């Protein structure tokens, strides 16, 4: 009997401080027997080197769309389809915007448009960039296009601020990748379950808002159990400090209206489970300055 073909990942590393974590992701994947081919953006090379990525992946590192040698050996179209899964980590706001709007002005963005494989993104950016309306619109678009989001997570950032925007830890991304490469078989295999969990936050001014103490734990536990039965689970989550369950596609929102829009953007579904603690009230007008 022939040995099963090796699973392969095309890892696109974007230009952010979290790029160094992607080297740990390469090591985790290689240890699990997954082949990794790396693409570095020009900005990513400011944080990690092609030498380090190539040494860990044991493969050629690509970065230039117009490299004649690379095109002769393996054109960018073939490169985009040479893996079982395309992973972008870190996925910067710029790279997410490019894919959401169909821009292809470098090797990484061209590969993302040319691939016929699933795309997984691990967003990483400043908290205000993550919550910016343009970024959230791009997230809704990307999810509607079938892009799998892993994170972001909440915590301290290199810029000194705190909040959502940190790239998920390499171990979390690794588990999500393995779940995609080796889908579980269960009673719900092939079914899409759309869920909501956690609280919502309705701003009153730049500092204060109306929210509740929902931890999101019940919804996250249900999502994990559904994924374990083979379901494709899309989890629309309010602001919580919980890791994304393995095999679950998570979309982060803040307000009730954002949650409403995200749910409708991910229809149709075979089942909907609403576990979120949605606010009953929101301000008619949000004050531009802190109210005293």
C-alpha atoms as a PDB file:
ATOM      1  CA  UNK A   1       0.000   0.000   0.000  1.00  0.00           C
ATOM      2  CA  UNK A   2       1.354   3.419  -0.960  1.00  0.00           C
ATOM      3  CA  UNK A   3       2.131   5.838   1.861  1.00  0.00           C
ATOM      4  CA  UNK A   4      -0.334   8.742   2.175  1.00  0.00           C
ATOM      5  CA  UNK A   5       0.792  11.924   0.457  1.00  0.00           C
ATOM      6  CA  UNK A   6       2.397  14.515   2.719  1.00  0.00           C
ATOM      7  CA  UNK A   7       0.144  17.416   3.621  1.00  0.00           C
ATOM      8  CA  UNK A   8       1.558  20.792   2.590  1.00  0.00           C
ATOM      9  CA  UNK A   9       0.997  24.376   3.739  1.00  0.00           C
ATOM     10  CA  UNK A  10       1.882  27.567   1.895  1.00  0.00           C
ATOM     11  CA  UNK A  11       2.714  30.031   4.682  1.00  0.00           C
ATOM     12  CA  UNK A  12       2.575  33.730   3.811  1.00  0.00           C
ATOM     13  CA  UNK A  13       4.282  35.848   6.471  1.00  0.00           C
ATOM     14  CA  UNK A  14       3.130  39.467   6.586  1.00  0.00           C
ATOM     15  CA  UNK A  15       4.995  42.505   7.829  1.00  0.00           C
ATOM     16  CA  UNK A  16       4.262  42.864  11.524  1.00  0.00           C
ATOM     17  CA  UNK A  17       6.113  42.388  14.784  1.00  0.00           C
ATOM     18  CA  UNK A  18       4.264  39.080  15.230  1.00  0.00           C
ATOM     19  CA  UNK A  19       6.156  37.708  12.223  1.00  0.00           C
ATOM     20  CA  UNK A  20       8.729  36.186  14.564  1.00  0.00           C
ATOM     21  CA  UNK A  21       6.013  33.884  15.953  1.00  0.00           C
ATOM     22  CA  UNK A  22       5.547  32.390  12.498  1.00  0.00           C
ATOM     23  CA  UNK A  23       8.959  30.762  12.807  1.00  0.00           C
ATOM     24  CA  UNK A  24       7.600  28.749  15.753  1.00  0.00           C
ATOM     25  CA  UNK A  25       4.582  27.835  13.629  1.00  0.00           C
ATOM     26  CA  UNK A  26       6.894  26.482  10.926  1.00  0.00           C
ATOM     27  CA  UNK A  27       8.669  24.320  13.508  1.00  0.00           C
ATOM     28  CA  UNK A  28       5.386  22.966  14.891  1.00  0.00           C
ATOM     29  CA  UNK A  29       4.122  22.053  11.416  1.00  0.00           C
ATOM     30  CA  UNK A  30       7.388  20.421  10.363  1.00  0.00           C
ATOM     31  CA  UNK A  31       7.492  18.388  13.592  1.00  0.00           C
ATOM     32  CA  UNK A  32       3.985  17.136  12.758  1.00  0.00           C
ATOM     33  CA  UNK A  33       5.193  16.009   9.335  1.00  0.00           C
ATOM     34  CA  UNK A  34       3.554  18.835   7.383  1.00  0.00           C
ATOM     35  CA  UNK A  35       5.527  20.306   4.494  1.00  0.00           C
ATOM     36  CA  UNK A  36       5.854  24.102   4.654  1.00  0.00           C
ATOM     37  CA  UNK A  37       6.734  26.503   1.849  1.00  0.00           C
ATOM     38  CA  UNK A  38       7.198  30.130   2.904  1.00  0.00           C
ATOM     39  CA  UNK A  39       6.405  33.409   1.150  1.00  0.00           C
ATOM     40  CA  UNK A  40       7.760  36.603   2.734  1.00  0.00           C
ATOM     41  CA  UNK A  41       6.395  40.041   1.926  1.00  0.00           C
ATOM     42  CA  UNK A  42       8.929  42.866   1.647  1.00  0.00           C
ATOM     43  CA  UNK A  43       7.735  44.194   4.997  1.00  0.00           C
ATOM     44  CA  UNK A  44       8.057  40.749   6.598  1.00  0.00           C
ATOM     45  CA  UNK A  45      11.759  40.701   5.710  1.00  0.00           C
ATOM     46  CA  UNK A  46      12.185  43.630   8.112  1.00  0.00           C
ATOM     47  CA  UNK A  47      11.279  41.241  10.950  1.00  0.00           C
ATOM     48  CA  UNK A  48      12.449  37.770   9.861  1.00  0.00           C
ATOM     49  CA  UNK A  49      15.024  36.701   7.288  1.00  0.00           C
ATOM     50  CA  UNK A  50      14.638  34.342   4.332  1.00  0.00           C
ATOM     51  CA  UNK A  51      17.576  32.396   5.787  1.00  0.00           C
ATOM     52  CA  UNK A  52      15.776  31.604   9.059  1.00  0.00           C
ATOM     53  CA  UNK A  53      12.474  30.764   7.326  1.00  0.00           C
ATOM     54  CA  UNK A  54      14.251  28.560   4.789  1.00  0.00           C
ATOM     55  CA  UNK A  55      16.295  26.743   7.414  1.00  0.00           C
ATOM     56  CA  UNK A  56      13.221  25.892   9.478  1.00  0.00           C
ATOM     57  CA  UNK A  57      11.025  24.936   6.525  1.00  0.00           C
ATOM     58  CA  UNK A  58      13.809  23.098   4.676  1.00  0.00           C
ATOM     59  CA  UNK A  59      12.486  24.602   1.454  1.00  0.00           C
ATOM     60  CA  UNK A  60      12.997  27.560  -0.832  1.00  0.00           C
ATOM     61  CA  UNK A  61      11.584  30.905   0.377  1.00  0.00           C
ATOM     62  CA  UNK A  62       9.744  33.084  -2.135  1.00  0.00           C
ATOM     63  CA  UNK A  63       9.214  36.850  -2.071  1.00  0.00           C
ATOM     64  CA  UNK A  64       9.530  38.426  -5.522  1.00  0.00           C
ATOM     65  CA  UNK A  65       6.714  38.300  -8.063  1.00  0.00           C
ATOM     66  CA  UNK A  66       9.065  39.201 -10.905  1.00  0.00           C
ATOM     67  CA  UNK A  67      11.968  36.890 -10.093  1.00  0.00           C
ATOM     68  CA  UNK A  68      12.739  35.210 -13.436  1.00  0.00           C
ATOM     69  CA  UNK A  69      14.436  32.199 -11.841  1.00  0.00           C
ATOM     70  CA  UNK A  70      11.503  31.554  -9.530  1.00  0.00           C
ATOM     71  CA  UNK A  71       9.030  31.899 -12.387  1.00  0.00           C
ATOM     72  CA  UNK A  72      11.068  29.464 -14.492  1.00  0.00           C
ATOM     73  CA  UNK A  73      11.255  26.886 -11.674  1.00  0.00           C
ATOM     74  CA  UNK A  74       7.685  27.290 -10.394  1.00  0.00           C
ATOM     75  CA  UNK A  75       5.407  30.034 -11.640  1.00  0.00           C
ATOM     76  CA  UNK A  76       3.335  31.939  -9.132  1.00  0.00           C
ATOM     77  CA  UNK A  77       0.145  30.231 -10.329  1.00  0.00           C
ATOM     78  CA  UNK A  78       1.602  26.774  -9.641  1.00  0.00           C
ATOM     79  CA  UNK A  79       3.010  28.020  -6.329  1.00  0.00           C
ATOM     80  CA  UNK A  80      -0.437  29.191  -5.247  1.00  0.00           C
ATOM     81  CA  UNK A  81      -1.841  25.709  -5.801  1.00  0.00           C
ATOM     82  CA  UNK A  82       1.086  23.622  -4.565  1.00  0.00           C
ATOM     83  CA  UNK A  83      -0.280  23.246  -1.014  1.00  0.00           C
ATOM     84  CA  UNK A  84      -3.367  21.828   0.667  1.00  0.00           C
ATOM     85  CA  UNK A  85      -3.927  25.034   2.658  1.00  0.00           C
ATOM     86  CA  UNK A  86      -2.745  28.655   2.421  1.00  0.00           C
ATOM     87  CA  UNK A  87      -2.013  30.270   5.789  1.00  0.00           C
ATOM     88  CA  UNK A  88      -1.345  33.980   6.311  1.00  0.00           C
ATOM     89  CA  UNK A  89       0.338  34.677   9.656  1.00  0.00           C
ATOM     90  CA  UNK A  90       0.545  37.413  10.608  1.00  0.00           C
ATOM     91  CA  UNK A  91      -2.255  38.807   8.440  1.00  0.00           C
ATOM     92  CA  UNK A  92      -1.871  42.583   8.585  1.00  0.00           C
ATOM     93  CA  UNK A  93      -4.716  45.033   8.042  1.00  0.00           C
ATOM     94  CA  UNK A  94      -3.120  45.887   4.703  1.00  0.00           C
ATOM     95  CA  UNK A  95      -3.005  42.278   3.502  1.00  0.00           C
ATOM     96  CA  UNK A  96      -6.575  41.637   4.596  1.00  0.00           C
ATOM     97  CA  UNK A  97      -7.708  44.774   2.766  1.00  0.00           C
ATOM     98  CA  UNK A  98      -5.918  43.660  -0.397  1.00  0.00           C
ATOM     99  CA  UNK A  99      -7.608  40.269  -0.458  1.00  0.00           C
ATOM    100  CA  UNK A 100     -11.022  41.705   0.458  1.00  0.00           C
ATOM    101  CA  UNK A 101     -10.856  44.174  -2.432  1.00  0.00           C
ATOM    102  CA  UNK A 102      -9.079  41.921  -4.934  1.00  0.00           C
ATOM    103  CA  UNK A 103      -5.765  43.773  -5.159  1.00  0.00           C
ATOM    104  CA  UNK A 104      -2.714  41.873  -6.427  1.00  0.00           C
ATOM    105  CA  UNK A 105       0.350  44.102  -6.442  1.00  0.00           C
ATOM    106  CA  UNK A 106       2.983  41.723  -5.006  1.00  0.00           C
ATOM    107  CA  UNK A 107       3.675  38.000  -4.815  1.00  0.00           C
ATOM    108  CA  UNK A 108       1.689  37.373  -1.607  1.00  0.00           C
ATOM    109  CA  UNK A 109      -1.486  39.145  -2.727  1.00  0.00           C
ATOM    110  CA  UNK A 110      -1.271  37.593  -6.204  1.00  0.00           C
ATOM    111  CA  UNK A 111      -0.983  34.094  -4.711  1.00  0.00           C
ATOM    112  CA  UNK A 112      -4.035  34.702  -2.538  1.00  0.00           C
ATOM    113  CA  UNK A 113      -6.127  35.601  -5.576  1.00  0.00           C
ATOM    114  CA  UNK A 114      -4.745  32.801  -7.742  1.00  0.00           C
ATOM    115  CA  UNK A 115      -5.073  29.918  -5.293  1.00  0.00           C
ATOM    116  CA  UNK A 116      -7.819  27.326  -5.519  1.00  0.00           C
ATOM    117  CA  UNK A 117      -7.209  26.164  -1.920  1.00  0.00           C
ATOM    118  CA  UNK A 118      -8.739  27.251   1.394  1.00  0.00           C
ATOM    119  CA  UNK A 119      -7.174  30.342   2.941  1.00  0.00           C
ATOM    120  CA  UNK A 120      -6.616  30.782   6.685  1.00  0.00           C
ATOM    121  CA  UNK A 121      -5.653  34.152   8.193  1.00  0.00           C
ATOM    122  CA  UNK A 122      -4.283  34.998  11.641  1.00  0.00           C
ATOM    123  CA  UNK A 123      -4.905  38.758  11.979  1.00  0.00           C
ATOM    124  CA  UNK A 124      -2.368  40.900  13.840  1.00  0.00           C
ATOM    125  CA  UNK A 125      -2.631  44.675  14.258  1.00  0.00           C
ATOM    126  CA  UNK A 126      -3.197  47.540  16.672  1.00  0.00           C
ATOM    127  CA  UNK A 127      -6.473  47.358  18.596  1.00  0.00           C
ATOM    128  CA  UNK A 128      -7.879  50.492  16.959  1.00  0.00           C
ATOM    129  CA  UNK A 129      -6.917  49.205  13.518  1.00  0.00           C
ATOM    130  CA  UNK A 130      -8.773  45.967  14.264  1.00  0.00           C
ATOM    131  CA  UNK A 131     -11.918  47.769  15.410  1.00  0.00           C
ATOM    132  CA  UNK A 132     -11.833  50.296  12.558  1.00  0.00           C
ATOM    133  CA  UNK A 133     -14.944  50.104  10.418  1.00  0.00           C
ATOM    134  CA  UNK A 134     -12.942  49.428   7.260  1.00  0.00           C
ATOM    135  CA  UNK A 135     -11.173  46.440   8.816  1.00  0.00           C
ATOM    136  CA  UNK A 136     -14.409  45.011  10.180  1.00  0.00           C
ATOM    137  CA  UNK A 137     -16.056  45.365   6.767  1.00  0.00           C
ATOM    138  CA  UNK A 138     -13.103  43.517   5.268  1.00  0.00           C
ATOM    139  CA  UNK A 139     -13.456  40.749   7.859  1.00  0.00           C
ATOM    140  CA  UNK A 140     -17.111  40.274   6.918  1.00  0.00           C
ATOM    141  CA  UNK A 141     -16.157  40.154   3.221  1.00  0.00           C
ATOM    142  CA  UNK A 142     -13.347  37.672   3.776  1.00  0.00           C
ATOM    143  CA  UNK A 143     -15.509  35.386   5.877  1.00  0.00           C
ATOM    144  CA  UNK A 144     -18.171  35.538   3.202  1.00  0.00           C
ATOM    145  CA  UNK A 145     -15.529  34.441   0.703  1.00  0.00           C
ATOM    146  CA  UNK A 146     -14.709  31.414   2.851  1.00  0.00           C
ATOM    147  CA  UNK A 147     -11.526  32.680   4.515  1.00  0.00           C
ATOM    148  CA  UNK A 148     -10.935  31.032   7.896  1.00  0.00           C
ATOM    149  CA  UNK A 149     -10.029  33.473  10.681  1.00  0.00           C
ATOM    150  CA  UNK A 150      -7.926  32.388  13.658  1.00  0.00           C
ATOM    151  CA  UNK A 151      -7.955  35.154  16.268  1.00  0.00           C
ATOM    152  CA  UNK A 152      -7.021  37.832  16.918  1.00  0.00           C
ATOM    153  CA  UNK A 153      -6.565  37.541  20.684  1.00  0.00           C
ATOM    154  CA  UNK A 154      -6.772  40.130  23.429  1.00  0.00           C
ATOM    155  CA  UNK A 155      -3.697  41.252  25.334  1.00  0.00           C
ATOM    156  CA  UNK A 156      -0.760  43.625  25.586  1.00  0.00           C
ATOM    157  CA  UNK A 157       0.646  44.834  22.280  1.00  0.00           C
ATOM    158  CA  UNK A 158       4.086  45.902  21.136  1.00  0.00           C
ATOM    159  CA  UNK A 159       2.770  49.460  20.693  1.00  0.00           C
ATOM    160  CA  UNK A 160       1.955  49.648  24.410  1.00  0.00           C
ATOM    161  CA  UNK A 161      -1.822  49.387  24.066  1.00  0.00           C
ATOM    162  CA  UNK A 162      -4.117  46.597  25.266  1.00  0.00           C
ATOM    163  CA  UNK A 163      -7.022  44.936  23.499  1.00  0.00           C
ATOM    164  CA  UNK A 164      -8.008  42.734  20.575  1.00  0.00           C
ATOM    165  CA  UNK A 165      -5.455  42.588  17.813  1.00  0.00           C
ATOM    166  CA  UNK A 166      -2.683  40.283  18.988  1.00  0.00           C
ATOM    167  CA  UNK A 167      -1.946  37.400  16.649  1.00  0.00           C
ATOM    168  CA  UNK A 168      -3.089  34.043  17.980  1.00  0.00           C
ATOM    169  CA  UNK A 169      -0.288  32.008  19.513  1.00  0.00           C
ATOM    170  CA  UNK A 170       1.522  29.574  17.181  1.00  0.00           C
ATOM    171  CA  UNK A 171       0.053  26.585  19.040  1.00  0.00           C
ATOM    172  CA  UNK A 172      -3.492  27.887  18.424  1.00  0.00           C
ATOM    173  CA  UNK A 173      -2.820  28.449  14.722  1.00  0.00           C
ATOM    174  CA  UNK A 174      -1.172  25.034  14.473  1.00  0.00           C
ATOM    175  CA  UNK A 175      -4.267  23.322  15.912  1.00  0.00           C
ATOM    176  CA  UNK A 176      -6.517  25.193  13.470  1.00  0.00           C
ATOM    177  CA  UNK A 177      -4.278  24.193  10.556  1.00  0.00           C
ATOM    178  CA  UNK A 178      -4.259  20.542  11.574  1.00  0.00           C
ATOM    179  CA  UNK A 179      -8.051  20.586  11.938  1.00  0.00           C
ATOM    180  CA  UNK A 180      -8.322  21.782   8.332  1.00  0.00           C
ATOM    181  CA  UNK A 181      -5.766  19.318   6.991  1.00  0.00           C
ATOM    182  CA  UNK A 182      -7.324  16.394   8.871  1.00  0.00           C
ATOM    183  CA  UNK A 183     -11.057  17.129   9.181  1.00  0.00           C
ATOM    184  CA  UNK A 184     -12.883  15.143  11.814  1.00  0.00           C
ATOM    185  CA  UNK A 185     -15.598  12.724  10.823  1.00  0.00           C
ATOM    186  CA  UNK A 186     -18.734  12.754  12.941  1.00  0.00           C
ATOM    187  CA  UNK A 187     -22.496  12.922  13.001  1.00  0.00           C
ATOM    188  CA  UNK A 188     -22.464  16.553  11.827  1.00  0.00           C
ATOM    189  CA  UNK A 189     -19.895  16.205   9.075  1.00  0.00           C
ATOM    190  CA  UNK A 190     -20.740  18.532   6.186  1.00  0.00           C
ATOM    191  CA  UNK A 191     -23.180  20.635   8.231  1.00  0.00           C
ATOM    192  CA  UNK A 192     -22.695  24.378   8.797  1.00  0.00           C
ATOM    193  CA  UNK A 193     -23.620  25.628  12.256  1.00  0.00           C
ATOM    194  CA  UNK A 194     -23.719  29.384  12.827  1.00  0.00           C
ATOM    195  CA  UNK A 195     -23.375  30.546  16.433  1.00  0.00           C
ATOM    196  CA  UNK A 196     -23.180  33.673  18.581  1.00  0.00           C
ATOM    197  CA  UNK A 197     -21.507  33.865  21.988  1.00  0.00           C
ATOM    198  CA  UNK A 198     -20.239  36.342  24.552  1.00  0.00           C
ATOM    199  CA  UNK A 199     -21.438  39.862  25.400  1.00  0.00           C
ATOM    200  CA  UNK A 200     -21.861  42.914  23.213  1.00  0.00           C
ATOM    201  CA  UNK A 201     -20.541  46.382  24.035  1.00  0.00           C
ATOM    202  CA  UNK A 202     -22.590  49.471  23.197  1.00  0.00           C
ATOM    203  CA  UNK A 203     -20.418  52.620  23.419  1.00  0.00           C
ATOM    204  CA  UNK A 204     -21.642  55.780  25.131  1.00  0.00           C
ATOM    205  CA  UNK A 205     -18.436  57.735  24.541  1.00  0.00           C
ATOM    206  CA  UNK A 206     -14.802  56.819  23.731  1.00  0.00           C
ATOM    207  CA  UNK A 207     -14.361  55.387  27.263  1.00  0.00           C
ATOM    208  CA  UNK A 208     -17.703  54.157  28.618  1.00  0.00           C
ATOM    209  CA  UNK A 209     -20.302  51.760  27.305  1.00  0.00           C
ATOM    210  CA  UNK A 210     -23.164  49.403  28.151  1.00  0.00           C
ATOM    211  CA  UNK A 211     -22.190  45.740  28.437  1.00  0.00           C
ATOM    212  CA  UNK A 212     -22.655  42.681  30.666  1.00  0.00           C
ATOM    213  CA  UNK A 213     -20.553  40.038  32.377  1.00  0.00           C
ATOM    214  CA  UNK A 214     -21.107  37.196  29.918  1.00  0.00           C
ATOM    215  CA  UNK A 215     -17.888  35.181  29.721  1.00  0.00           C
ATOM    216  CA  UNK A 216     -18.770  33.373  26.496  1.00  0.00           C
ATOM    217  CA  UNK A 217     -17.691  30.050  28.028  1.00  0.00           C
ATOM    218  CA  UNK A 218     -20.970  28.235  27.352  1.00  0.00           C
ATOM    219  CA  UNK A 219     -21.069  29.247  23.697  1.00  0.00           C
ATOM    220  CA  UNK A 220     -17.410  28.375  23.174  1.00  0.00           C
ATOM    221  CA  UNK A 221     -17.914  24.965  24.781  1.00  0.00           C
ATOM    222  CA  UNK A 222     -20.871  24.257  22.485  1.00  0.00           C
ATOM    223  CA  UNK A 223     -18.858  25.373  19.443  1.00  0.00           C
ATOM    224  CA  UNK A 224     -16.000  23.066  20.421  1.00  0.00           C
ATOM    225  CA  UNK A 225     -18.359  20.116  20.840  1.00  0.00           C
ATOM    226  CA  UNK A 226     -20.016  20.756  17.465  1.00  0.00           C
ATOM    227  CA  UNK A 227     -16.646  20.960  15.723  1.00  0.00           C
ATOM    228  CA  UNK A 228     -15.703  17.704  17.399  1.00  0.00           C
ATOM    229  CA  UNK A 229     -18.691  16.098  15.674  1.00  0.00           C
ATOM    230  CA  UNK A 230     -17.423  17.268  12.295  1.00  0.00           C
ATOM    231  CA  UNK A 231     -19.549  20.396  11.836  1.00  0.00           C
ATOM    232  CA  UNK A 232     -18.257  23.489  10.102  1.00  0.00           C
ATOM    233  CA  UNK A 233     -18.759  26.004  12.925  1.00  0.00           C
ATOM    234  CA  UNK A 234     -18.799  29.773  12.451  1.00  0.00           C
ATOM    235  CA  UNK A 235     -18.689  31.526  15.829  1.00  0.00           C
ATOM    236  CA  UNK A 236     -19.683  35.195  15.932  1.00  0.00           C
ATOM    237  CA  UNK A 237     -18.143  36.332  19.197  1.00  0.00           C
ATOM    238  CA  UNK A 238     -18.468  39.413  21.349  1.00  0.00           C
ATOM    239  CA  UNK A 239     -15.401  40.641  23.284  1.00  0.00           C
ATOM    240  CA  UNK A 240     -14.166  37.747  25.443  1.00  0.00           C
ATOM    241  CA  UNK A 241     -10.796  36.526  26.709  1.00  0.00           C
ATOM    242  CA  UNK A 242     -11.071  32.980  25.376  1.00  0.00           C
ATOM    243  CA  UNK A 243      -9.002  31.026  22.891  1.00  0.00           C
ATOM    244  CA  UNK A 244     -10.719  29.985  19.669  1.00  0.00           C
ATOM    245  CA  UNK A 245     -11.789  26.312  19.870  1.00  0.00           C
ATOM    246  CA  UNK A 246      -9.972  23.966  17.556  1.00  0.00           C
ATOM    247  CA  UNK A 247     -11.607  23.715  14.149  1.00  0.00           C
ATOM    248  CA  UNK A 248     -13.900  26.716  14.697  1.00  0.00           C
ATOM    249  CA  UNK A 249     -13.973  29.803  12.453  1.00  0.00           C
ATOM    250  CA  UNK A 250     -14.305  32.828  14.739  1.00  0.00           C
ATOM    251  CA  UNK A 251     -15.476  36.319  13.827  1.00  0.00           C
ATOM    252  CA  UNK A 252     -14.973  39.020  16.474  1.00  0.00           C
ATOM    253  CA  UNK A 253     -17.531  41.805  16.856  1.00  0.00           C
ATOM    254  CA  UNK A 254     -18.286  44.417  19.538  1.00  0.00           C
ATOM    255  CA  UNK A 255     -21.796  45.807  19.146  1.00  0.00           C
ATOM    256  CA  UNK A 256     -25.192  44.201  18.619  1.00  0.00           C
ATOM    257  CA  UNK A 257     -25.430  45.716  15.142  1.00  0.00           C
ATOM    258  CA  UNK A 258     -22.010  44.302  14.218  1.00  0.00           C
ATOM    259  CA  UNK A 259     -23.160  40.897  15.462  1.00  0.00           C
ATOM    260  CA  UNK A 260     -26.379  41.186  13.432  1.00  0.00           C
ATOM    261  CA  UNK A 261     -24.447  42.046  10.274  1.00  0.00           C
ATOM    262  CA  UNK A 262     -21.900  39.267  10.828  1.00  0.00           C
ATOM    263  CA  UNK A 263     -24.613  36.645  11.315  1.00  0.00           C
ATOM    264  CA  UNK A 264     -26.362  37.646   8.087  1.00  0.00           C
ATOM    265  CA  UNK A 265     -23.042  37.709   6.237  1.00  0.00           C
ATOM    266  CA  UNK A 266     -22.455  34.048   7.105  1.00  0.00           C
ATOM    267  CA  UNK A 267     -25.806  32.667   6.059  1.00  0.00           C
ATOM    268  CA  UNK A 268     -26.960  30.213   4.877  1.00  0.00           C
ATOM    269  CA  UNK A 269     -26.459  27.661   7.637  1.00  0.00           C
ATOM    270  CA  UNK A 270     -27.975  24.309   8.529  1.00  0.00           C
ATOM    271  CA  UNK A 271     -28.497  25.431  12.123  1.00  0.00           C
ATOM    272  CA  UNK A 272     -28.252  28.587  14.195  1.00  0.00           C
ATOM    273  CA  UNK A 273     -27.486  28.646  17.934  1.00  0.00           C
ATOM    274  CA  UNK A 274     -27.740  32.020  19.653  1.00  0.00           C
ATOM    275  CA  UNK A 275     -25.886  31.978  22.974  1.00  0.00           C
ATOM    276  CA  UNK A 276     -24.693  35.594  23.002  1.00  0.00           C
ATOM    277  CA  UNK A 277     -25.826  37.988  25.734  1.00  0.00           C
ATOM    278  CA  UNK A 278     -26.886  40.812  23.444  1.00  0.00           C
ATOM    279  CA  UNK A 279     -27.369  44.274  24.938  1.00  0.00           C
ATOM    280  CA  UNK A 280     -30.961  45.473  25.267  1.00  0.00           C
ATOM    281  CA  UNK A 281     -30.035  49.125  24.820  1.00  0.00           C
ATOM    282  CA  UNK A 282     -27.694  51.289  22.787  1.00  0.00           C
ATOM    283  CA  UNK A 283     -27.124  55.022  22.749  1.00  0.00           C
ATOM    284  CA  UNK A 284     -28.948  56.976  20.076  1.00  0.00           C
ATOM    285  CA  UNK A 285     -25.859  59.178  19.764  1.00  0.00           C
ATOM    286  CA  UNK A 286     -22.326  58.249  20.838  1.00  0.00           C
ATOM    287  CA  UNK A 287     -20.496  61.206  22.359  1.00  0.00           C
ATOM    288  CA  UNK A 288     -17.264  62.139  20.606  1.00  0.00           C
ATOM    289  CA  UNK A 289     -15.524  63.026  23.898  1.00  0.00           C
ATOM    290  CA  UNK A 290     -15.447  61.477  27.352  1.00  0.00           C
ATOM    291  CA  UNK A 291     -18.520  62.543  29.295  1.00  0.00           C
ATOM    292  CA  UNK A 292     -18.187  63.788  32.881  1.00  0.00           C
END
